[in-house]
Protein backbone atom coordinates (compact mmCIF):
# COMPACT_ATOMS: atom_id res chain seq x y z
CA UNK A 1 139.55 49.51 92.27
CA UNK A 2 136.85 52.01 91.38
CA UNK A 3 133.84 51.03 89.26
CA UNK A 4 132.21 53.34 86.72
CA UNK A 5 129.59 51.25 84.98
CA UNK A 6 127.03 53.04 82.85
CA UNK A 7 123.36 52.92 83.73
CA UNK A 8 122.55 52.23 80.07
CA UNK A 9 124.09 50.42 77.17
CA UNK A 10 123.22 49.92 73.54
CA UNK A 11 124.39 46.31 73.47
CA UNK A 12 121.47 44.03 72.68
CA UNK A 13 122.98 40.76 71.42
CA UNK A 14 123.30 37.70 73.67
CA UNK A 15 125.35 34.83 72.19
CA UNK A 16 125.77 31.18 73.21
CA UNK A 17 128.82 29.75 71.42
CA UNK A 18 128.31 26.29 72.91
CA UNK A 19 130.62 26.78 75.89
CA UNK A 20 129.89 30.32 77.02
CA UNK A 21 126.98 32.74 77.07
CA UNK A 22 128.20 36.29 76.51
CA UNK A 23 127.23 39.87 75.69
CA UNK A 24 129.73 42.22 74.03
CA UNK A 25 129.56 45.98 74.37
CA UNK A 26 130.62 49.16 76.11
CA UNK A 27 129.28 48.89 79.66
CA UNK A 28 131.58 51.39 81.37
CA UNK A 29 135.02 51.09 82.95
CA UNK A 30 137.02 50.51 86.10
CA UNK A 31 140.14 52.24 87.37
CA UNK A 32 142.97 50.49 89.18
CA UNK A 33 145.96 51.99 90.99
CA UNK A 34 149.34 50.81 89.75
CA UNK A 35 152.52 50.50 91.83
CA UNK A 36 153.12 54.25 91.57
CA UNK A 37 149.56 55.07 92.77
CA UNK A 38 148.63 56.20 89.27
CA UNK A 39 145.12 55.36 88.04
CA UNK A 40 144.89 52.98 85.08
CA UNK A 41 141.60 52.88 83.16
CA UNK A 42 140.18 49.55 81.94
CA UNK A 43 137.26 49.60 79.48
CA UNK A 44 134.52 46.99 79.76
CA UNK A 45 134.13 45.01 76.55
CA UNK A 46 132.37 41.72 77.36
CA UNK A 47 130.22 39.96 79.95
CA UNK A 48 130.40 36.16 80.21
CA UNK A 49 128.34 33.73 82.27
CA UNK A 50 129.70 30.45 83.68
CA UNK A 51 127.49 27.71 85.09
CA UNK A 52 128.43 26.56 87.66
CA UNK A 53 130.85 29.19 88.90
CA UNK A 54 134.59 28.78 88.36
CA UNK A 55 135.37 30.34 91.73
CA UNK A 56 134.39 28.36 94.82
CA UNK A 57 133.48 29.57 98.29
CA UNK A 58 133.47 27.34 101.37
CA UNK A 59 134.36 24.39 99.14
CA UNK A 60 131.46 24.78 96.69
CA UNK A 61 130.71 26.61 93.45
CA UNK A 62 127.69 28.89 93.14
CA UNK A 63 124.99 28.36 90.53
CA UNK A 64 126.34 30.98 88.14
CA UNK A 65 129.26 33.38 87.83
CA UNK A 66 129.21 36.57 85.79
CA UNK A 67 132.65 37.65 84.57
CA UNK A 68 132.99 41.23 83.30
CA UNK A 69 136.04 41.53 81.04
CA UNK A 70 138.04 44.75 80.73
CA UNK A 71 140.94 45.82 78.51
CA UNK A 72 143.23 48.68 79.47
CA UNK A 73 142.53 51.97 77.72
CA UNK A 74 145.17 52.60 75.06
CA UNK A 75 146.23 55.85 76.72
CA UNK A 76 147.06 53.96 79.97
CA UNK A 77 148.93 51.01 78.41
CA UNK A 78 152.54 50.31 79.40
CA UNK A 79 154.40 47.00 79.10
CA UNK A 80 155.03 46.82 82.86
CA UNK A 81 151.35 46.64 83.90
CA UNK A 82 148.61 44.08 83.11
CA UNK A 83 146.33 45.01 80.22
CA UNK A 84 143.38 42.76 81.18
CA UNK A 85 141.14 42.84 84.27
CA UNK A 86 138.08 40.80 85.21
CA UNK A 87 135.37 41.68 87.73
CA UNK A 88 133.60 38.48 88.76
CA UNK A 89 130.23 38.28 90.57
CA UNK A 90 128.62 35.14 91.98
CA UNK A 91 124.94 34.71 91.06
CA UNK A 92 122.62 32.74 93.30
CA UNK A 93 118.98 31.82 92.74
CA UNK A 94 116.47 33.59 94.90
CA UNK A 95 115.06 37.09 94.90
CA UNK A 96 114.12 38.66 91.56
CA UNK A 97 117.00 40.57 89.99
CA UNK A 98 116.58 43.66 87.82
CA UNK A 99 119.82 42.81 86.03
CA UNK A 100 118.86 39.21 85.28
CA UNK A 101 115.46 40.37 84.03
CA UNK A 102 117.17 42.93 81.77
CA UNK A 103 119.06 40.19 79.92
CA UNK A 104 115.90 38.05 79.68
CA UNK A 105 117.56 35.23 81.63
CA UNK A 106 114.67 32.82 81.06
CA UNK A 107 115.12 33.10 77.28
CA UNK A 108 118.88 32.84 76.89
CA UNK A 109 119.97 31.36 73.56
CA UNK A 110 120.61 27.65 73.26
CA UNK A 111 123.99 26.31 72.11
CA UNK A 112 125.03 28.02 68.89
CA UNK A 113 122.18 30.53 69.14
CA UNK A 114 121.90 34.31 69.29
CA UNK A 115 119.13 36.39 70.89
CA UNK A 116 118.53 40.07 70.37
CA UNK A 117 117.14 41.82 73.43
CA UNK A 118 114.23 44.24 73.02
CA UNK A 119 115.21 47.79 72.06
CA UNK A 120 113.91 49.12 75.39
CA UNK A 121 116.07 46.73 77.45
CA UNK A 122 118.69 48.26 79.71
CA UNK A 123 121.75 46.24 80.74
CA UNK A 124 122.80 48.08 83.89
CA UNK A 125 125.77 46.44 85.61
CA UNK A 126 125.33 48.71 88.63
CA UNK A 127 122.14 46.75 89.35
CA UNK A 128 124.24 43.66 90.14
CA UNK A 129 127.73 44.93 91.07
CA UNK A 130 127.87 46.86 94.34
CA UNK A 131 131.18 48.74 94.42
CA UNK A 132 130.93 48.95 98.23
CA UNK A 133 130.97 45.14 98.66
CA UNK A 134 134.19 43.45 99.63
CA UNK A 135 136.01 41.42 97.02
CA UNK A 136 138.99 39.10 96.66
CA UNK A 137 141.88 40.16 94.44
CA UNK A 138 144.53 38.08 92.74
CA UNK A 139 146.72 38.22 89.66
CA UNK A 140 146.03 35.19 87.48
CA UNK A 141 145.31 34.22 83.90
CA UNK A 142 142.34 34.05 81.58
CA UNK A 143 140.46 30.78 81.83
CA UNK A 144 139.95 30.20 78.10
CA UNK A 145 142.56 29.65 75.36
CA UNK A 146 145.04 31.30 74.84
CA UNK A 147 144.99 31.59 78.67
CA UNK A 148 146.74 34.98 78.76
CA UNK A 149 148.65 35.54 81.99
CA UNK A 150 149.05 38.64 84.12
CA UNK A 151 145.30 39.34 84.44
CA UNK A 152 143.87 41.28 87.40
CA UNK A 153 140.92 39.40 89.00
CA UNK A 154 138.41 41.06 91.36
CA UNK A 155 136.02 38.43 92.73
CA UNK A 156 132.85 39.49 94.57
CA UNK A 157 131.34 36.76 96.74
CA UNK A 158 127.82 38.14 96.84
CA UNK A 159 125.40 39.46 94.22
């Protein structure tokens, strides 16, 4: 997997629908090799936050998990290859984070609420996802209804 996240985005709306906090927008893309070693491009369309994490390490969840959802680019779609991919990053409390500051983490919307980030905010996924870090890979399903199957999961253990 190769990551091509943009250093800037125009997305400014953070939503809490009561079960998930998310931000929709164009944040970049990833490429994945298929069985024929051809690159398939997946466009980033949504970031979701889960508290606590859904993935566990050493028998325990982390405080928060950021899941970056991708849908295959129309020009790369074929019925024999998954059309969804998720890059997942574990978030732990500790050192200040440029990314977490950029989404105004201390003022996230309450259940049913929406916050608009300041116009000068910059949601830069490269500030939290290090493409050189090791990750776990598996083919699974989405974790919310309709629980689509055949989803590529890339799970990074560290922020």
